[in-house]
């Protein structure tokens, strides 16, 4: 079993130790009264007669939801694109040697980065419900790994491994270095669009006989979901406690009934509503470096990464950041048997994330996608859910029979650029101080360093021929002969 760890500098968090293991987590709490509770009679009691067809809430007669299974492909009708936009996403990871304090003198001791080999990774998100990486425009992609300002590697290599949630990693390498700093810059062309969700049609999609590999891989433990950055307990114990807690919570919400006796979409909406009402948004879930002076003399706290509580602590507190709440909903979905992944994205319409602490705005966003399988072509696809944005409209879930904004429907995805399905790469690499999407492995020793990560995005200028290339790539992506659940060829 490979372990991932991120080294934190002295005086801050202990070293972050991450790993790929089993699955999600647990918790209790009294069920909030709402119209959502009215669908419980539709959920089958274990070891009793078969359940009646699923029912809608908001109607005292609870009329049965008699929806025939689909006889033709419907995925592209369930999830429809609105207003596609093209972007050039820019990311900069900067790592500087950490100046330690000499214990004997109390004075700073100059440190340097020193390694024989270094392998740096950053995620590549091929597609989400509201985005697609534009691989057909390779000249729009650019990357540079620099050491003390000198370029060492500008040829990205896509790692062959497909990680949980369908994650892929890009890699760069350097050798024989001693100096003060490393910088990785990546420019990525991405299409984004809003999503319109046909919920009633989606109710006709049944539970699959088995989930495709990409979906079932989400049941493995994940940082921020099943375990936290600073929890001192062993990873296995954190996962067990989270699982136990969520099992109790789901049993209470469903009154001991079988969650899978109603369609997956109906279950996803029910659990989203219960989670929405259980949790309040609090804090930004971000970590910053120490205040550094600027030319004007003012101080600025540079963005370092994420500060994640994990689902267990979020449920116990009844509150958490946007990122904590997304992780908790993903944990609940997974434990109920519904594959789900967290999507971390950048919203260029908000203030620069390095100023987030002062402005109160957060340019990094997290939401959830749950899996469905279109049964006719056996095609896997994903449905977005953002209960933080839903809760900003009301602290109570809307009537279950009504259409919900941010459950499937999400026009804001048009202007949010997905970055990753993991807060830290799910492999054996190191970050410094806090997880923040990237990581590296250096030999013969781990570095003592500070990290700063910056994001930016601009509209991708249109060029002659780009549209034809995109249209061809889209036809290949939706080709029914392609193996379900796999990524298009890089």
Protein backbone atom coordinates (compact mmCIF):
# COMPACT_ATOMS: atom_id res chain seq x y z
CA UNK A 1 0.00 0.00 0.00
CA UNK A 2 1.59 3.28 -1.09
CA UNK A 3 1.64 6.11 1.43
CA UNK A 4 1.64 9.77 0.59
CA UNK A 5 3.00 12.28 3.04
CA UNK A 6 3.47 16.01 3.02
CA UNK A 7 6.19 17.53 5.15
CA UNK A 8 5.27 20.52 7.25
CA UNK A 9 7.76 23.00 8.51
CA UNK A 10 8.65 23.15 12.24
CA UNK A 11 6.12 24.79 14.49
CA UNK A 12 3.20 24.17 12.14
CA UNK A 13 1.18 21.04 11.45
CA UNK A 14 2.92 17.70 11.96
CA UNK A 15 3.90 15.99 8.74
CA UNK A 16 0.82 15.27 6.66
CA UNK A 17 0.58 11.54 6.06
CA UNK A 18 -1.87 10.55 3.38
CA UNK A 19 -2.66 7.12 1.84
CA UNK A 20 -4.91 5.10 -0.42
CA UNK A 21 -6.91 2.53 1.59
CA UNK A 22 -10.57 1.43 1.81
CA UNK A 23 -13.59 3.85 2.16
CA UNK A 24 -15.44 6.60 3.73
CA UNK A 25 -16.63 7.57 7.15
CA UNK A 26 -19.36 7.88 9.77
CA UNK A 27 -21.44 9.82 12.41
CA UNK A 28 -24.85 10.34 14.22
CA UNK A 29 -27.27 13.27 14.80
CA UNK A 30 -30.98 13.78 15.07
CA UNK A 31 -32.81 13.90 11.76
CA UNK A 32 -34.04 17.39 10.90
CA UNK A 33 -37.74 17.63 10.20
CA UNK A 34 -38.47 18.55 6.60
CA UNK A 35 -40.52 17.49 3.64
CA UNK A 36 -37.63 15.19 2.74
CA UNK A 37 -38.66 12.85 5.53
CA UNK A 38 -41.82 12.10 3.60
CA UNK A 39 -39.93 9.90 1.15
CA UNK A 40 -38.92 7.50 3.90
CA UNK A 41 -42.01 5.30 3.44
CA UNK A 42 -40.71 4.66 -0.06
CA UNK A 43 -37.54 3.09 1.30
CA UNK A 44 -37.76 -0.66 1.78
CA UNK A 45 -37.54 -2.10 5.29
CA UNK A 46 -34.84 -4.71 5.56
CA UNK A 47 -36.07 -8.30 5.73
CA UNK A 48 -39.65 -7.29 4.94
CA UNK A 49 -41.88 -7.34 1.90
CA UNK A 50 -40.70 -5.53 -1.24
CA UNK A 51 -41.10 -1.78 -1.12
CA UNK A 52 -43.70 0.15 -3.03
CA UNK A 53 -42.43 2.29 -5.90
CA UNK A 54 -40.47 5.39 -4.78
CA UNK A 55 -42.62 8.34 -3.79
CA UNK A 56 -42.37 12.10 -4.06
CA UNK A 57 -42.48 14.32 -1.02
CA UNK A 58 -44.38 17.57 -0.75
CA UNK A 59 -47.64 15.78 -1.58
CA UNK A 60 -49.66 14.32 1.30
CA UNK A 61 -51.01 11.57 -1.01
CA UNK A 62 -47.42 10.55 -1.87
CA UNK A 63 -48.28 9.40 -5.36
CA UNK A 64 -46.02 6.56 -6.60
CA UNK A 65 -43.13 7.46 -8.88
CA UNK A 66 -43.78 4.90 -11.61
CA UNK A 67 -40.97 5.60 -14.07
CA UNK A 68 -40.16 3.02 -16.74
CA UNK A 69 -36.47 2.22 -17.21
CA UNK A 70 -34.90 3.83 -20.29
CA UNK A 71 -34.88 1.95 -23.59
CA UNK A 72 -32.43 4.29 -25.34
CA UNK A 73 -29.36 6.31 -24.30
CA UNK A 74 -30.39 9.23 -22.08
CA UNK A 75 -27.16 10.48 -20.42
CA UNK A 76 -26.86 13.46 -22.79
CA UNK A 77 -30.50 14.33 -22.11
CA UNK A 78 -30.14 14.06 -18.32
CA UNK A 79 -27.07 16.33 -18.28
CA UNK A 80 -27.14 19.11 -20.89
CA UNK A 81 -24.54 21.81 -21.56
CA UNK A 82 -25.34 25.52 -21.30
CA UNK A 83 -23.11 28.35 -22.59
CA UNK A 84 -19.69 26.79 -23.18
CA UNK A 85 -16.66 28.98 -22.47
CA UNK A 86 -12.97 28.42 -23.23
CA UNK A 87 -10.19 29.26 -20.78
CA UNK A 88 -6.46 29.15 -20.29
CA UNK A 89 -5.93 28.07 -16.67
CA UNK A 90 -2.63 29.14 -15.11
CA UNK A 91 -1.08 27.59 -11.98
CA UNK A 92 2.20 28.45 -10.29
CA UNK A 93 3.72 26.37 -7.49
CA UNK A 94 6.68 28.06 -5.80
CA UNK A 95 8.87 26.25 -3.26
CA UNK A 96 11.55 28.09 -1.30
CA UNK A 97 14.14 26.75 1.11
CA UNK A 98 12.90 27.14 4.69
CA UNK A 99 15.13 29.22 6.95
CA UNK A 100 15.29 27.21 10.15
CA UNK A 101 16.10 28.73 13.52
CA UNK A 102 19.32 27.58 15.11
CA UNK A 103 18.33 26.22 18.54
CA UNK A 104 21.67 27.19 20.09
CA UNK A 105 21.78 30.80 18.91
CA UNK A 106 18.13 31.59 18.19
CA UNK A 107 19.23 33.06 14.87
CA UNK A 108 17.99 32.02 11.41
CA UNK A 109 20.04 29.25 9.86
CA UNK A 110 20.22 29.45 6.09
CA UNK A 111 18.88 26.32 4.43
CA UNK A 112 18.97 25.20 0.83
CA UNK A 113 17.09 22.80 -1.38
CA UNK A 114 19.36 19.91 -2.23
CA UNK A 115 18.54 16.71 -4.10
CA UNK A 116 19.93 14.20 -6.54
CA UNK A 117 16.57 13.51 -8.20
CA UNK A 118 13.17 15.20 -8.06
CA UNK A 119 9.84 14.14 -9.53
CA UNK A 120 7.08 16.77 -9.42
CA UNK A 121 3.38 16.02 -10.07
CA UNK A 122 0.24 18.07 -10.64
CA UNK A 123 -3.28 16.81 -11.51
CA UNK A 124 -4.83 16.80 -14.94
CA UNK A 125 -8.65 16.71 -14.96
CA UNK A 126 -9.76 15.27 -18.30
CA UNK A 127 -13.46 15.95 -17.73
CA UNK A 128 -16.19 16.65 -15.20
CA UNK A 129 -19.94 17.21 -15.54
CA UNK A 130 -19.15 20.81 -16.45
CA UNK A 131 -15.74 20.80 -18.11
CA UNK A 132 -13.30 19.18 -20.51
CA UNK A 133 -9.53 19.49 -20.88
CA UNK A 134 -8.73 20.52 -24.48
CA UNK A 135 -6.13 17.91 -25.40
CA UNK A 136 -6.86 18.52 -29.07
CA UNK A 137 -5.14 21.92 -28.71
CA UNK A 138 -1.65 20.81 -27.59
CA UNK A 139 0.01 24.09 -28.57
CA UNK A 140 -2.19 25.86 -26.00
CA UNK A 141 -0.65 23.76 -23.21
CA UNK A 142 2.64 24.89 -21.68
CA UNK A 143 4.65 23.97 -18.59
CA UNK A 144 8.03 24.75 -17.05
CA UNK A 145 9.89 23.35 -14.07
CA UNK A 146 12.50 25.93 -13.04
CA UNK A 147 15.29 25.82 -10.44
CA UNK A 148 16.59 29.26 -9.38
CA UNK A 149 14.94 30.66 -12.50
CA UNK A 150 16.58 28.27 -14.97
CA UNK A 151 14.27 25.92 -16.88
CA UNK A 152 15.04 22.26 -16.16
CA UNK A 153 12.02 20.49 -17.69
CA UNK A 154 9.40 21.87 -20.06
CA UNK A 155 8.13 18.49 -21.32
CA UNK A 156 5.22 17.24 -19.23
CA UNK A 157 4.81 13.47 -18.98
CA UNK A 158 1.36 12.01 -18.27
CA UNK A 159 1.65 9.25 -15.69
CA UNK A 160 0.09 5.97 -16.81
CA UNK A 161 -1.68 5.23 -13.52
CA UNK A 162 -5.38 6.10 -13.22
CA UNK A 163 -5.99 6.98 -9.57
CA UNK A 164 -9.26 6.94 -7.55
CA UNK A 165 -12.09 9.05 -9.02
CA UNK A 166 -10.46 8.82 -12.44
CA UNK A 167 -7.63 11.16 -11.40
CA UNK A 168 -4.55 11.49 -13.60
CA UNK A 169 -1.23 13.15 -12.81
CA UNK A 170 1.25 15.09 -14.94
CA UNK A 171 4.95 14.80 -14.10
CA UNK A 172 8.25 16.69 -14.47
CA UNK A 173 11.78 15.75 -13.42
CA UNK A 174 15.05 17.38 -12.37
CA UNK A 175 18.43 16.09 -11.13
CA UNK A 176 21.51 17.18 -9.15
CA UNK A 177 20.45 20.49 -7.68
CA UNK A 178 21.43 22.68 -4.76
CA UNK A 179 19.88 26.12 -4.47
CA UNK A 180 17.11 28.27 -3.06
CA UNK A 181 13.93 27.62 -4.99
CA UNK A 182 11.82 25.56 -7.38
CA UNK A 183 8.93 26.91 -9.47
CA UNK A 184 6.42 24.91 -11.51
CA UNK A 185 4.16 26.79 -13.93
CA UNK A 186 1.39 25.11 -15.93
CA UNK A 187 -0.98 26.61 -18.52
CA UNK A 188 -3.95 24.39 -19.41
CA UNK A 189 -6.70 24.93 -22.04
CA UNK A 190 -10.13 24.04 -20.64
CA UNK A 191 -13.75 24.28 -21.84
CA UNK A 192 -16.39 24.86 -19.16
CA UNK A 193 -20.18 25.04 -19.32
CA UNK A 194 -23.24 25.36 -17.15
CA UNK A 195 -25.30 22.24 -16.48
CA UNK A 196 -29.03 21.72 -16.92
CA UNK A 197 -30.33 18.59 -15.19
CA UNK A 198 -33.46 16.64 -16.20
CA UNK A 199 -34.23 15.19 -12.79
CA UNK A 200 -37.43 13.42 -13.75
CA UNK A 201 -35.71 11.59 -16.59
CA UNK A 202 -32.83 10.72 -14.25
CA UNK A 203 -35.25 8.94 -11.89
CA UNK A 204 -35.62 6.25 -14.55
CA UNK A 205 -31.96 5.24 -14.14
CA UNK A 206 -31.73 2.20 -11.84
CA UNK A 207 -28.88 0.97 -9.68
CA UNK A 208 -26.36 -0.82 -11.93
CA UNK A 209 -25.48 -4.48 -11.39
CA UNK A 210 -21.93 -3.24 -10.74
CA UNK A 211 -20.18 0.10 -10.90
CA UNK A 212 -17.49 0.79 -13.51
CA UNK A 213 -13.94 0.93 -12.17
CA UNK A 214 -13.76 4.75 -12.20
CA UNK A 215 -16.90 4.97 -10.04
CA UNK A 216 -16.06 2.14 -7.63
CA UNK A 217 -12.59 3.60 -7.08
CA UNK A 218 -14.22 6.51 -5.20
CA UNK A 219 -14.90 4.14 -2.30
CA UNK A 220 -11.22 4.30 -1.31
CA UNK A 221 -10.28 6.59 1.61
CA UNK A 222 -9.36 10.16 0.79
CA UNK A 223 -7.74 13.09 2.57
CA UNK A 224 -10.38 15.53 3.81
CA UNK A 225 -13.12 12.92 3.47
CA UNK A 226 -12.14 9.97 5.66
CA UNK A 227 -9.15 11.48 7.43
CA UNK A 228 -7.87 14.94 8.27
CA UNK A 229 -4.61 16.85 7.96
CA UNK A 230 -3.82 17.16 11.65
CA UNK A 231 -5.64 14.23 13.30
CA UNK A 232 -2.95 12.32 15.28
CA UNK A 233 -4.77 8.98 15.08
CA UNK A 234 -3.52 6.30 12.66
CA UNK A 235 -5.15 6.44 9.25
CA UNK A 236 -6.99 3.13 9.65
CA UNK A 237 -8.50 4.27 12.95
CA UNK A 238 -9.65 7.57 11.46
CA UNK A 239 -11.33 5.73 8.58
CA UNK A 240 -13.04 3.30 10.97
CA UNK A 241 -14.38 6.06 13.22
CA UNK A 242 -15.67 7.98 10.22
CA UNK A 243 -17.35 4.89 8.76
CA UNK A 244 -19.01 4.01 12.05
CA UNK A 245 -20.34 7.53 12.52
CA UNK A 246 -21.76 7.85 9.03
CA UNK A 247 -23.36 4.41 9.22
CA UNK A 248 -25.24 5.54 12.33
CA UNK A 249 -26.25 8.80 10.68
CA UNK A 250 -27.61 7.13 7.56
CA UNK A 251 -29.47 4.54 9.64
CA UNK A 252 -31.10 7.33 11.63
CA UNK A 253 -32.03 9.36 8.57
CA UNK A 254 -33.53 6.35 6.80
CA UNK A 255 -35.02 4.92 10.03
CA UNK A 256 -33.10 1.72 9.45
CA UNK A 257 -34.39 1.23 5.91
CA UNK A 258 -32.38 0.11 2.89
CA UNK A 259 -31.15 3.23 1.01
CA UNK A 260 -30.84 1.32 -2.26
CA UNK A 261 -34.55 0.54 -2.50
CA UNK A 262 -35.16 3.92 -4.17
CA UNK A 263 -33.46 5.12 -7.38
CA UNK A 264 -29.93 6.50 -6.97
CA UNK A 265 -30.97 10.03 -7.96
CA UNK A 266 -33.74 10.08 -5.38
CA UNK A 267 -31.34 8.84 -2.71
CA UNK A 268 -28.74 11.45 -3.71
CA UNK A 269 -31.30 14.26 -3.38
CA UNK A 270 -32.59 12.98 -0.04
CA UNK A 271 -29.07 12.75 1.44
CA UNK A 272 -28.09 16.14 0.01
CA UNK A 273 -31.11 17.74 1.68
CA UNK A 274 -30.39 16.14 5.04
CA UNK A 275 -26.72 17.14 4.90
CA UNK A 276 -27.62 20.68 3.83
CA UNK A 277 -29.79 21.09 6.92
CA UNK A 278 -27.28 19.44 9.27
CA UNK A 279 -24.22 21.60 8.46
CA UNK A 280 -23.46 25.31 8.49
CA UNK A 281 -20.67 26.94 6.51
CA UNK A 282 -17.95 28.32 8.74
CA UNK A 283 -14.39 29.36 7.90
CA UNK A 284 -12.58 29.24 4.58
CA UNK A 285 -10.67 25.95 4.96
CA UNK A 286 -7.51 27.62 3.63
CA UNK A 287 -3.99 27.85 5.05
CA UNK A 288 -1.63 30.78 4.61
CA UNK A 289 2.09 31.38 5.04
CA UNK A 290 3.45 33.98 7.44
CA UNK A 291 2.96 37.66 6.63
CA UNK A 292 5.59 38.95 4.23
CA UNK A 293 6.39 42.62 3.57
CA UNK A 294 5.67 44.23 0.20
CA UNK A 295 7.24 47.24 -1.52
CA UNK A 296 4.72 49.52 0.15
CA UNK A 297 5.56 48.11 3.56
CA UNK A 298 2.21 46.36 3.95
CA UNK A 299 2.15 42.67 4.77
CA UNK A 300 0.50 39.95 2.72
CA UNK A 301 -0.22 36.36 3.71
CA UNK A 302 0.57 34.10 0.77
CA UNK A 303 -1.70 31.14 0.07
CA UNK A 304 -0.21 27.81 1.11
CA UNK A 305 -2.97 25.21 0.76
CA UNK A 306 -6.02 23.63 2.37
CA UNK A 307 -6.85 23.18 6.05
CA UNK A 308 -9.28 20.23 6.07
CA UNK A 309 -11.14 18.88 9.12
CA UNK A 310 -12.39 15.62 7.65
CA UNK A 311 -16.01 14.44 7.56
CA UNK A 312 -16.03 13.11 11.12
CA UNK A 313 -15.03 16.41 12.77
CA UNK A 314 -17.26 18.41 10.43
CA UNK A 315 -20.30 16.38 11.48
CA UNK A 316 -19.40 16.53 15.16
CA UNK A 317 -19.02 20.32 14.96
CA UNK A 318 -22.11 20.76 12.78
CA UNK A 319 -20.14 23.20 10.67
CA UNK A 320 -17.18 23.46 8.35
CA UNK A 321 -15.73 25.27 5.38
CA UNK A 322 -17.09 24.87 1.87
CA UNK A 323 -14.40 22.23 1.31
CA UNK A 324 -15.26 20.35 4.53
CA UNK A 325 -18.95 20.27 3.63
CA UNK A 326 -18.25 18.93 0.14
CA UNK A 327 -16.02 16.23 1.65
CA UNK A 328 -18.73 15.29 4.14
CA UNK A 329 -21.43 14.94 1.50
CA UNK A 330 -19.07 12.77 -0.57
CA UNK A 331 -18.45 10.58 2.49
CA UNK A 332 -22.18 10.17 3.12
CA UNK A 333 -22.91 9.35 -0.51
CA UNK A 334 -20.14 6.75 -0.61
CA UNK A 335 -21.20 5.06 2.62
CA UNK A 336 -24.77 4.84 1.31
CA UNK A 337 -23.37 2.94 -1.69
CA UNK A 338 -23.39 5.83 -4.18
CA UNK A 339 -20.02 6.60 -5.83
CA UNK A 340 -19.07 10.23 -5.41
CA UNK A 341 -16.04 12.42 -5.92
CA UNK A 342 -15.04 15.89 -4.73
CA UNK A 343 -14.16 18.42 -7.44
CA UNK A 344 -11.83 21.28 -6.51
CA UNK A 345 -11.98 24.24 -8.87
CA UNK A 346 -10.91 27.84 -9.35
CA UNK A 347 -13.41 30.67 -9.79
CA UNK A 348 -11.67 33.53 -11.62
CA UNK A 349 -14.61 35.82 -10.91
CA UNK A 350 -13.65 36.01 -7.23
CA UNK A 351 -10.71 37.83 -5.69
CA UNK A 352 -7.23 36.40 -6.07
CA UNK A 353 -6.90 33.56 -3.60
CA UNK A 354 -3.73 35.06 -2.12
CA UNK A 355 -5.93 37.92 -0.87
CA UNK A 356 -8.72 35.67 0.34
CA UNK A 357 -8.01 36.24 4.00
CA UNK A 358 -8.35 40.01 3.70
CA UNK A 359 -11.20 40.20 1.21
CA UNK A 360 -13.31 37.38 2.64
CA UNK A 361 -13.75 36.01 -0.87
CA UNK A 362 -12.67 32.49 -1.81
CA UNK A 363 -11.53 31.78 -5.33
CA UNK A 364 -11.10 28.06 -4.67
CA UNK A 365 -14.34 26.10 -4.68
CA UNK A 366 -15.29 22.50 -3.86
CA UNK A 367 -18.41 20.56 -4.78
CA UNK A 368 -19.47 16.93 -5.29
CA UNK A 369 -20.31 14.78 -8.29
CA UNK A 370 -22.16 11.48 -7.87
CA UNK A 371 -22.13 8.69 -10.44
CA UNK A 372 -24.92 7.32 -12.62
CA UNK A 373 -24.77 4.60 -15.28
CA UNK A 374 -26.91 5.05 -18.38
CA UNK A 375 -28.09 1.41 -18.67
CA UNK A 376 -28.60 1.16 -22.43
CA UNK A 377 -24.99 1.81 -23.54
CA UNK A 378 -23.71 1.11 -19.97
CA UNK A 379 -22.17 4.59 -19.92
CA UNK A 380 -20.86 6.19 -16.74
CA UNK A 381 -21.56 9.89 -16.19
CA UNK A 382 -21.53 12.32 -13.25
CA UNK A 383 -24.06 14.71 -11.69
CA UNK A 384 -22.86 17.85 -9.81
CA UNK A 385 -24.17 18.79 -6.35
CA UNK A 386 -23.19 21.97 -4.47
CA UNK A 387 -25.09 22.12 -1.19
CA UNK A 388 -23.04 25.09 0.04
CA UNK A 389 -24.43 27.24 -2.77
CA UNK A 390 -27.87 25.74 -2.16
CA UNK A 391 -27.61 26.58 1.53
CA UNK A 392 -26.67 30.17 0.69
CA UNK A 393 -30.21 30.47 -0.64
CA UNK A 394 -31.87 28.83 2.37
CA UNK A 395 -30.80 26.90 5.47
CA UNK A 396 -33.68 24.46 4.86
CA UNK A 397 -33.91 22.14 1.91
CA UNK A 398 -36.62 23.07 -0.62
CA UNK A 399 -39.62 20.83 -1.07
CA UNK A 400 -38.41 17.50 -2.37
CA UNK A 401 -40.77 17.49 -5.35
CA UNK A 402 -39.44 20.81 -6.65
CA UNK A 403 -36.42 21.44 -8.86
CA UNK A 404 -33.36 22.47 -6.85
CA UNK A 405 -30.68 24.86 -7.95
CA UNK A 406 -27.23 23.30 -7.48
CA UNK A 407 -28.59 19.74 -7.38
CA UNK A 408 -27.68 18.72 -10.92
CA UNK A 409 -28.58 22.18 -12.19
CA UNK A 410 -25.61 24.53 -11.91
CA UNK A 411 -25.15 27.49 -14.24
CA UNK A 412 -22.08 28.64 -12.26
CA UNK A 413 -19.97 25.75 -13.57
CA UNK A 414 -19.67 27.83 -16.74
CA UNK A 415 -17.15 30.05 -14.93
CA UNK A 416 -15.39 27.57 -12.60
CA UNK A 417 -12.30 25.73 -13.81
CA UNK A 418 -11.80 22.25 -12.28
CA UNK A 419 -8.30 21.57 -10.97
CA UNK A 420 -8.39 18.21 -9.20
CA UNK A 421 -10.40 15.41 -7.58
CA UNK A 422 -7.95 15.31 -4.65
CA UNK A 423 -6.55 17.96 -2.31
CA UNK A 424 -3.23 16.12 -2.39
CA UNK A 425 -2.06 13.73 -5.13
CA UNK A 426 -3.10 10.16 -4.17
CA UNK A 427 0.41 8.79 -4.47
CA UNK A 428 3.77 8.91 -2.66
CA UNK A 429 4.69 12.57 -2.93
CA UNK A 430 5.30 15.44 -0.51
CA UNK A 431 3.91 18.94 -0.12
CA UNK A 432 5.03 21.52 2.45
CA UNK A 433 2.90 22.74 5.32
CA UNK A 434 -0.51 22.00 3.78
CA UNK A 435 -1.93 19.87 0.98
CA UNK A 436 -2.48 21.88 -2.18
CA UNK A 437 -3.01 19.70 -5.27
CA UNK A 438 0.67 19.20 -6.12
CA UNK A 439 3.56 17.20 -4.64
CA UNK A 440 7.10 16.03 -5.27
CA UNK A 441 9.44 13.23 -4.34
CA UNK A 442 13.12 14.08 -3.83
CA UNK A 443 16.08 11.81 -3.15
CA UNK A 444 17.98 11.14 -1.05
CA UNK A 445 15.93 13.22 1.45
CA UNK A 446 12.72 15.23 1.84
CA UNK A 447 13.20 19.00 1.60
CA UNK A 448 12.66 21.61 4.32
CA UNK A 449 10.68 24.27 2.48
CA UNK A 450 7.80 26.74 2.26
CA UNK A 451 5.28 26.58 -0.58
CA UNK A 452 3.06 29.17 -2.23
CA UNK A 453 0.48 28.30 -4.89
CA UNK A 454 -1.13 30.85 -7.20
CA UNK A 455 -3.96 30.55 -9.72
CA UNK A 456 -5.14 32.68 -12.61
CA UNK A 457 -7.28 32.24 -15.73
CA UNK A 458 -7.97 34.16 -18.91
CA UNK A 459 -10.46 33.65 -21.70
CA UNK A 460 -8.93 31.52 -24.45
CA UNK A 461 -8.83 33.56 -27.67
CA UNK A 462 -10.61 31.90 -30.59
CA UNK A 463 -8.48 30.73 -33.50
CA UNK A 464 -9.32 29.35 -36.92
CA UNK A 465 -9.41 25.55 -36.80
CA UNK A 466 -9.82 25.26 -33.01
CA UNK A 467 -13.56 24.69 -33.25
CA UNK A 468 -13.16 21.86 -35.78
CA UNK A 469 -10.61 20.17 -33.51
CA UNK A 470 -12.98 20.47 -30.54
CA UNK A 471 -15.94 19.10 -32.47
CA UNK A 472 -13.90 16.07 -33.58
CA UNK A 473 -12.73 15.46 -30.01
CA UNK A 474 -16.32 15.64 -28.77
CA UNK A 475 -17.44 13.06 -31.33
CA UNK A 476 -14.68 10.73 -30.19
CA UNK A 477 -15.54 11.31 -26.54
CA UNK A 478 -19.18 10.35 -27.01
CA UNK A 479 -18.43 7.39 -29.29
CA UNK A 480 -20.49 4.50 -27.81
CA UNK A 481 -17.80 2.00 -28.88
CA UNK A 482 -15.39 3.49 -26.36
CA UNK A 483 -15.05 1.47 -23.15
CA UNK A 484 -17.44 2.91 -20.51
CA UNK A 485 -15.81 4.87 -17.72
CA UNK A 486 -12.47 5.34 -19.48
CA UNK A 487 -10.80 8.61 -20.38
CA UNK A 488 -10.37 9.60 -24.02
CA UNK A 489 -6.85 8.98 -25.29
CA UNK A 490 -4.37 11.68 -24.13
